[in-house]
N, C-alpha and C. Protein backbone atom coordinates (compact mmCIF):
# COMPACT_ATOMS: atom_id res chain seq x y z
N UNK A 1 0.83 -1.12 0.07
CA UNK A 1 0.00 0.03 -0.05
C UNK A 1 0.84 1.23 0.06
N UNK A 2 1.96 1.27 0.79
CA UNK A 2 2.83 2.34 0.86
C UNK A 2 3.47 2.71 -0.42
N UNK A 3 3.86 1.62 -1.24
CA UNK A 3 4.45 1.80 -2.55
C UNK A 3 3.59 2.54 -3.42
N UNK A 4 2.29 2.24 -3.42
CA UNK A 4 1.31 2.80 -4.40
C UNK A 4 1.18 4.27 -4.06
N UNK A 5 1.22 4.63 -2.84
CA UNK A 5 1.18 6.13 -2.49
C UNK A 5 2.37 6.93 -3.02
N UNK A 6 3.56 6.21 -2.91
CA UNK A 6 4.75 6.78 -3.46
C UNK A 6 4.70 7.01 -4.92
N UNK A 7 4.18 5.94 -5.61
CA UNK A 7 4.05 5.97 -7.05
C UNK A 7 3.13 7.13 -7.47
N UNK A 8 1.91 7.26 -6.74
CA UNK A 8 1.03 8.43 -6.90
C UNK A 8 1.59 9.71 -6.78
N UNK A 9 2.43 9.84 -5.76
CA UNK A 9 3.08 11.09 -5.50
C UNK A 9 4.16 11.40 -6.54
N UNK A 10 4.86 10.49 -7.01
CA UNK A 10 5.81 10.81 -8.08
C UNK A 10 5.09 11.15 -9.37
N UNK A 11 3.95 10.42 -9.70
CA UNK A 11 3.26 10.72 -10.92
C UNK A 11 2.69 12.25 -10.80
N UNK A 12 2.14 12.51 -9.72
CA UNK A 12 1.61 13.96 -9.45
C UNK A 12 2.63 14.94 -9.62
N UNK A 13 3.83 14.79 -9.02
CA UNK A 13 4.94 15.66 -9.15
C UNK A 13 5.33 15.74 -10.61
N UNK A 14 5.51 14.67 -11.21
CA UNK A 14 5.94 14.65 -12.65
C UNK A 14 4.95 15.44 -13.50
N UNK A 15 3.58 15.29 -13.29
CA UNK A 15 2.56 15.92 -14.05
C UNK A 15 2.66 17.49 -13.80
N UNK A 16 2.88 17.88 -12.54
CA UNK A 16 3.00 19.26 -12.09
C UNK A 16 4.25 19.79 -12.80
N UNK A 17 5.38 19.15 -12.79
CA UNK A 17 6.57 19.64 -13.40
C UNK A 17 6.38 19.94 -14.82
N UNK A 18 5.91 18.87 -15.56
CA UNK A 18 5.63 19.09 -16.94
C UNK A 18 4.60 20.10 -17.37
N UNK A 19 3.63 20.31 -16.58
CA UNK A 19 2.63 21.32 -16.86
C UNK A 19 3.18 22.73 -16.61
N UNK A 20 4.03 22.91 -15.54
CA UNK A 20 4.66 24.24 -15.26
C UNK A 20 5.66 24.47 -16.37
N UNK A 21 6.46 23.48 -16.76
CA UNK A 21 7.50 23.77 -17.70
C UNK A 21 6.79 24.10 -19.09
N UNK A 22 5.73 23.42 -19.43
CA UNK A 22 4.95 23.78 -20.69
C UNK A 22 4.44 25.20 -20.63
N UNK A 23 3.89 25.59 -19.47
CA UNK A 23 3.37 26.95 -19.31
C UNK A 23 4.44 27.96 -19.51
N UNK A 24 5.58 27.75 -18.80
CA UNK A 24 6.71 28.73 -18.86
C UNK A 24 7.12 28.86 -20.29
N UNK A 25 7.33 27.62 -21.09
CA UNK A 25 7.79 27.83 -22.46
C UNK A 25 6.68 28.58 -23.30
N UNK A 26 5.41 28.39 -23.04
CA UNK A 26 4.40 29.13 -23.78
C UNK A 26 4.49 30.59 -23.43
N UNK A 27 4.58 31.00 -22.17
CA UNK A 27 4.76 32.37 -21.79
C UNK A 27 5.94 32.93 -22.36
N UNK A 28 7.08 32.33 -22.42
CA UNK A 28 8.28 32.80 -22.98
C UNK A 28 8.18 32.99 -24.47
N UNK A 29 7.44 32.07 -25.15
CA UNK A 29 7.25 32.25 -26.56
C UNK A 29 6.35 33.46 -26.79
N UNK A 30 5.29 33.65 -26.05
CA UNK A 30 4.37 34.83 -26.20
C UNK A 30 5.29 36.16 -25.94
N UNK A 31 6.07 36.21 -25.08
CA UNK A 31 6.82 37.37 -24.72
C UNK A 31 7.83 37.61 -25.97
N UNK A 32 8.36 36.57 -26.53
CA UNK A 32 9.22 36.72 -27.74
C UNK A 32 8.34 37.32 -28.94
N UNK A 33 7.19 36.77 -29.11
CA UNK A 33 6.31 37.23 -30.30
C UNK A 33 5.94 38.68 -29.97
N UNK A 34 5.68 39.06 -28.70
CA UNK A 34 5.18 40.47 -28.41
C UNK A 34 6.37 41.38 -28.75
N UNK A 35 7.73 40.93 -28.32
CA UNK A 35 8.81 41.83 -28.55
C UNK A 35 9.07 41.95 -30.12
N UNK A 36 8.94 40.80 -30.81
CA UNK A 36 9.01 40.97 -32.24
C UNK A 36 8.14 41.85 -32.93
N UNK A 37 6.91 41.69 -32.51
CA UNK A 37 5.78 42.72 -33.05
C UNK A 37 6.11 44.09 -32.69
N UNK A 38 6.56 44.34 -31.45
CA UNK A 38 6.84 45.72 -31.04
C UNK A 38 7.96 46.26 -31.97
N UNK A 39 8.93 45.43 -32.16
CA UNK A 39 10.03 45.85 -33.07
C UNK A 39 9.65 46.14 -34.54
N UNK A 40 8.69 45.28 -35.07
CA UNK A 40 8.05 45.48 -36.35
C UNK A 40 7.37 46.74 -36.38
N UNK A 41 6.64 47.02 -35.40
CA UNK A 41 5.85 48.24 -35.37
C UNK A 41 6.73 49.50 -35.51
N UNK A 42 7.82 49.52 -34.78
CA UNK A 42 8.84 50.57 -34.88
C UNK A 42 9.42 50.66 -36.34
N UNK A 43 9.75 49.57 -36.82
CA UNK A 43 10.26 49.48 -38.28
C UNK A 43 9.23 50.03 -39.23
N UNK A 44 7.92 49.77 -39.06
CA UNK A 44 6.90 50.32 -39.91
C UNK A 44 6.81 51.74 -39.76
N UNK A 45 6.92 52.33 -38.55
CA UNK A 45 6.90 53.77 -38.37
C UNK A 45 8.12 54.45 -39.29
N UNK A 46 9.20 53.90 -39.18
CA UNK A 46 10.45 54.32 -39.88
C UNK A 46 10.17 54.28 -41.34
N UNK A 47 9.60 53.07 -41.76
CA UNK A 47 9.32 52.94 -43.23
C UNK A 47 8.33 54.04 -43.69
N UNK A 48 7.29 54.20 -43.02
CA UNK A 48 6.23 55.20 -43.40
C UNK A 48 6.90 56.55 -43.53
N UNK A 49 7.68 57.00 -42.50
CA UNK A 49 8.29 58.31 -42.49
C UNK A 49 9.28 58.34 -43.74
N UNK A 50 9.99 57.31 -43.93
CA UNK A 50 10.88 57.25 -45.12
C UNK A 50 10.18 57.40 -46.41
N UNK A 51 9.03 56.74 -46.57
CA UNK A 51 8.11 56.85 -47.68
C UNK A 51 7.75 58.26 -48.03
N UNK A 52 7.35 58.99 -46.99
CA UNK A 52 6.96 60.42 -47.11
C UNK A 52 8.19 61.13 -47.70
N UNK A 53 9.33 60.93 -47.10
CA UNK A 53 10.62 61.72 -47.45
C UNK A 53 10.92 61.42 -48.89
N UNK A 54 10.88 60.23 -49.25
CA UNK A 54 11.35 59.84 -50.62
C UNK A 54 10.15 60.01 -51.70
N UNK A 55 9.04 60.48 -51.33
CA UNK A 55 7.77 60.53 -52.10
C UNK A 55 7.23 59.24 -52.63
N UNK A 56 7.52 58.20 -51.92
CA UNK A 56 6.85 56.93 -52.46
C UNK A 56 5.49 56.83 -51.76
N UNK A 57 5.18 57.71 -50.76
CA UNK A 57 3.93 57.81 -50.13
C UNK A 57 3.46 59.25 -50.11
N UNK A 58 2.26 59.48 -50.32
CA UNK A 58 1.77 60.74 -50.23
C UNK A 58 1.43 61.08 -48.69
N UNK A 59 1.16 62.36 -48.34
CA UNK A 59 0.94 62.62 -46.97
C UNK A 59 -0.37 61.94 -46.54
N UNK A 60 -1.40 61.80 -47.47
CA UNK A 60 -2.63 61.23 -46.99
C UNK A 60 -2.52 59.63 -46.92
N UNK A 61 -1.69 59.07 -47.85
CA UNK A 61 -1.42 57.68 -47.65
C UNK A 61 -0.70 57.36 -46.30
N UNK A 62 0.29 58.27 -46.05
CA UNK A 62 1.08 57.99 -44.72
C UNK A 62 0.13 58.18 -43.53
N UNK A 63 -0.75 59.26 -43.57
CA UNK A 63 -1.70 59.43 -42.48
C UNK A 63 -2.58 58.25 -42.21
N UNK A 64 -3.06 57.73 -43.33
CA UNK A 64 -3.91 56.56 -43.29
C UNK A 64 -3.14 55.36 -42.66
N UNK A 65 -1.96 55.23 -43.15
CA UNK A 65 -1.13 54.06 -42.64
C UNK A 65 -0.78 54.32 -41.08
N UNK A 66 -0.52 55.48 -40.79
CA UNK A 66 -0.15 55.78 -39.39
C UNK A 66 -1.42 55.50 -38.46
N UNK A 67 -2.50 55.73 -38.98
CA UNK A 67 -3.75 55.54 -38.22
C UNK A 67 -3.91 54.04 -37.94
N UNK A 68 -3.71 53.31 -39.01
CA UNK A 68 -3.76 51.81 -38.83
C UNK A 68 -2.80 51.39 -37.78
N UNK A 69 -1.62 51.94 -37.83
CA UNK A 69 -0.50 51.53 -36.96
C UNK A 69 -0.88 51.92 -35.49
N UNK A 70 -1.50 53.07 -35.28
CA UNK A 70 -1.91 53.50 -33.99
C UNK A 70 -2.96 52.55 -33.45
N UNK A 71 -3.81 52.12 -34.28
CA UNK A 71 -4.99 51.20 -33.90
C UNK A 71 -4.20 49.94 -33.33
N UNK A 72 -3.26 49.35 -34.02
CA UNK A 72 -2.50 48.21 -33.60
C UNK A 72 -1.84 48.40 -32.29
N UNK A 73 -1.22 49.59 -32.17
CA UNK A 73 -0.52 49.90 -30.86
C UNK A 73 -1.52 49.95 -29.79
N UNK A 74 -2.61 50.53 -29.95
CA UNK A 74 -3.71 50.78 -29.00
C UNK A 74 -4.16 49.34 -28.52
N UNK A 75 -4.39 48.48 -29.47
CA UNK A 75 -4.87 47.09 -29.26
C UNK A 75 -3.69 46.41 -28.42
N UNK A 76 -2.44 46.59 -28.73
CA UNK A 76 -1.40 45.99 -28.05
C UNK A 76 -1.36 46.39 -26.62
N UNK A 77 -1.51 47.68 -26.33
CA UNK A 77 -1.46 48.28 -24.99
C UNK A 77 -2.61 47.65 -24.24
N UNK A 78 -3.74 47.62 -24.73
CA UNK A 78 -4.90 47.15 -24.08
C UNK A 78 -4.78 45.61 -23.78
N UNK A 79 -4.31 44.85 -24.69
CA UNK A 79 -4.05 43.42 -24.54
C UNK A 79 -2.95 43.15 -23.52
N UNK A 80 -1.87 44.02 -23.57
CA UNK A 80 -0.81 43.90 -22.66
C UNK A 80 -1.15 44.14 -21.19
N UNK A 81 -2.11 44.95 -20.94
CA UNK A 81 -2.56 45.21 -19.56
C UNK A 81 -3.11 44.01 -18.89
N UNK A 82 -3.97 43.23 -19.78
CA UNK A 82 -4.71 42.07 -19.27
C UNK A 82 -3.97 40.83 -19.38
N UNK A 83 -2.78 40.89 -20.05
CA UNK A 83 -2.23 39.59 -20.33
C UNK A 83 -2.73 39.16 -21.68
N UNK A 84 -1.82 38.87 -22.55
CA UNK A 84 -2.32 38.52 -23.92
C UNK A 84 -2.44 37.01 -24.13
N UNK A 85 -3.52 36.72 -24.72
CA UNK A 85 -3.80 35.32 -25.01
C UNK A 85 -3.16 34.97 -26.37
N UNK A 86 -3.08 33.69 -26.68
CA UNK A 86 -2.54 33.30 -27.97
C UNK A 86 -3.46 33.82 -29.11
N UNK A 87 -4.74 33.71 -28.93
CA UNK A 87 -5.63 34.29 -29.93
C UNK A 87 -5.46 35.82 -30.20
N UNK A 88 -5.34 36.49 -29.11
CA UNK A 88 -5.10 38.02 -29.29
C UNK A 88 -3.82 38.30 -29.94
N UNK A 89 -2.83 37.43 -29.70
CA UNK A 89 -1.50 37.58 -30.32
C UNK A 89 -1.61 37.40 -31.88
N UNK A 90 -2.32 36.31 -32.16
CA UNK A 90 -2.45 35.94 -33.52
C UNK A 90 -3.34 37.02 -34.33
N UNK A 91 -4.30 37.68 -33.66
CA UNK A 91 -5.10 38.69 -34.23
C UNK A 91 -4.24 39.91 -34.50
N UNK A 92 -3.44 40.32 -33.59
CA UNK A 92 -2.53 41.40 -33.72
C UNK A 92 -1.47 41.21 -34.83
N UNK A 93 -1.03 40.00 -34.95
CA UNK A 93 -0.03 39.73 -35.99
C UNK A 93 -0.68 39.72 -37.27
N UNK A 94 -2.05 39.36 -37.40
CA UNK A 94 -2.65 39.41 -38.69
C UNK A 94 -3.06 40.89 -39.03
N UNK A 95 -3.34 41.69 -38.13
CA UNK A 95 -3.60 43.09 -38.35
C UNK A 95 -2.30 43.73 -38.90
N UNK A 96 -1.23 43.41 -38.24
CA UNK A 96 0.14 43.89 -38.72
C UNK A 96 0.52 43.46 -40.07
N UNK A 97 0.29 42.19 -40.43
CA UNK A 97 0.58 41.67 -41.69
C UNK A 97 -0.21 42.45 -42.71
N UNK A 98 -1.52 42.83 -42.39
CA UNK A 98 -2.29 43.57 -43.40
C UNK A 98 -1.76 44.93 -43.57
N UNK A 99 -1.28 45.57 -42.45
CA UNK A 99 -0.60 46.83 -42.47
C UNK A 99 0.64 46.83 -43.41
N UNK A 100 1.48 45.77 -43.25
CA UNK A 100 2.73 45.67 -44.04
C UNK A 100 2.28 45.59 -45.62
N UNK A 101 1.20 44.91 -45.84
CA UNK A 101 0.77 44.77 -47.24
C UNK A 101 0.24 46.06 -47.73
N UNK A 102 -0.42 46.86 -46.86
CA UNK A 102 -0.84 48.22 -47.16
C UNK A 102 0.20 49.14 -47.50
N UNK A 103 1.28 49.06 -46.66
CA UNK A 103 2.45 49.96 -46.91
C UNK A 103 3.03 49.56 -48.24
N UNK A 104 3.28 48.33 -48.45
CA UNK A 104 3.85 47.88 -49.80
C UNK A 104 3.03 48.40 -50.85
N UNK A 105 1.71 48.20 -50.80
CA UNK A 105 0.78 48.60 -51.91
C UNK A 105 0.77 50.09 -52.17
N UNK A 106 0.74 50.78 -51.08
CA UNK A 106 0.80 52.32 -51.25
C UNK A 106 2.06 52.76 -51.77
N UNK A 107 3.27 52.21 -51.38
CA UNK A 107 4.55 52.66 -51.79
C UNK A 107 4.67 52.33 -53.39
N UNK A 108 4.02 51.37 -53.85
CA UNK A 108 4.12 50.90 -55.14
C UNK A 108 2.95 51.08 -56.10
N UNK A 109 2.02 52.01 -55.72
CA UNK A 109 0.88 52.27 -56.47
C UNK A 109 1.18 53.28 -57.72
N UNK A 110 0.21 53.55 -58.46
CA UNK A 110 0.34 54.27 -59.68
C UNK A 110 0.72 55.79 -59.43
N UNK A 111 0.52 56.18 -58.29
CA UNK A 111 0.76 57.68 -57.99
C UNK A 111 2.15 57.94 -57.80
N UNK A 112 2.98 56.89 -57.74
CA UNK A 112 4.41 57.03 -57.44
C UNK A 112 5.13 57.93 -58.50
N UNK A 113 5.90 58.90 -57.90
CA UNK A 113 6.61 59.72 -58.81
C UNK A 113 5.91 60.97 -59.27
N UNK A 114 4.63 61.04 -58.98
CA UNK A 114 3.88 62.24 -59.33
C UNK A 114 3.99 63.27 -58.22
N UNK A 115 3.90 64.41 -58.67
CA UNK A 115 3.92 65.58 -57.60
C UNK A 115 2.77 65.39 -56.71
N UNK A 116 2.96 65.50 -55.43
CA UNK A 116 1.87 65.29 -54.40
C UNK A 116 1.70 66.54 -53.68
């Protein structure tokens, strides 16, 4: 009887260890994704500003893109206060991927090179 209690205790400890290790790994991965998205947001701001300077973006295009970027930043701040779930992180990453496509499209549209 004593051996079975010891086996149960070992199994319970092993399950606890693996669950906390898994949770730690997931939290670490979320923090890395958060930091990567934060860096990409900064890079997008730089790219938009450079687009205005080199005339690949009009001021109106840049303003629209900056508004998209501000919305993503606002969503990140709100999510960060509550602790971000995997689903929220995926939604933010999708929003940012759309913004990157919008920046590319605006920089390469037909208005490029025209006086603005």
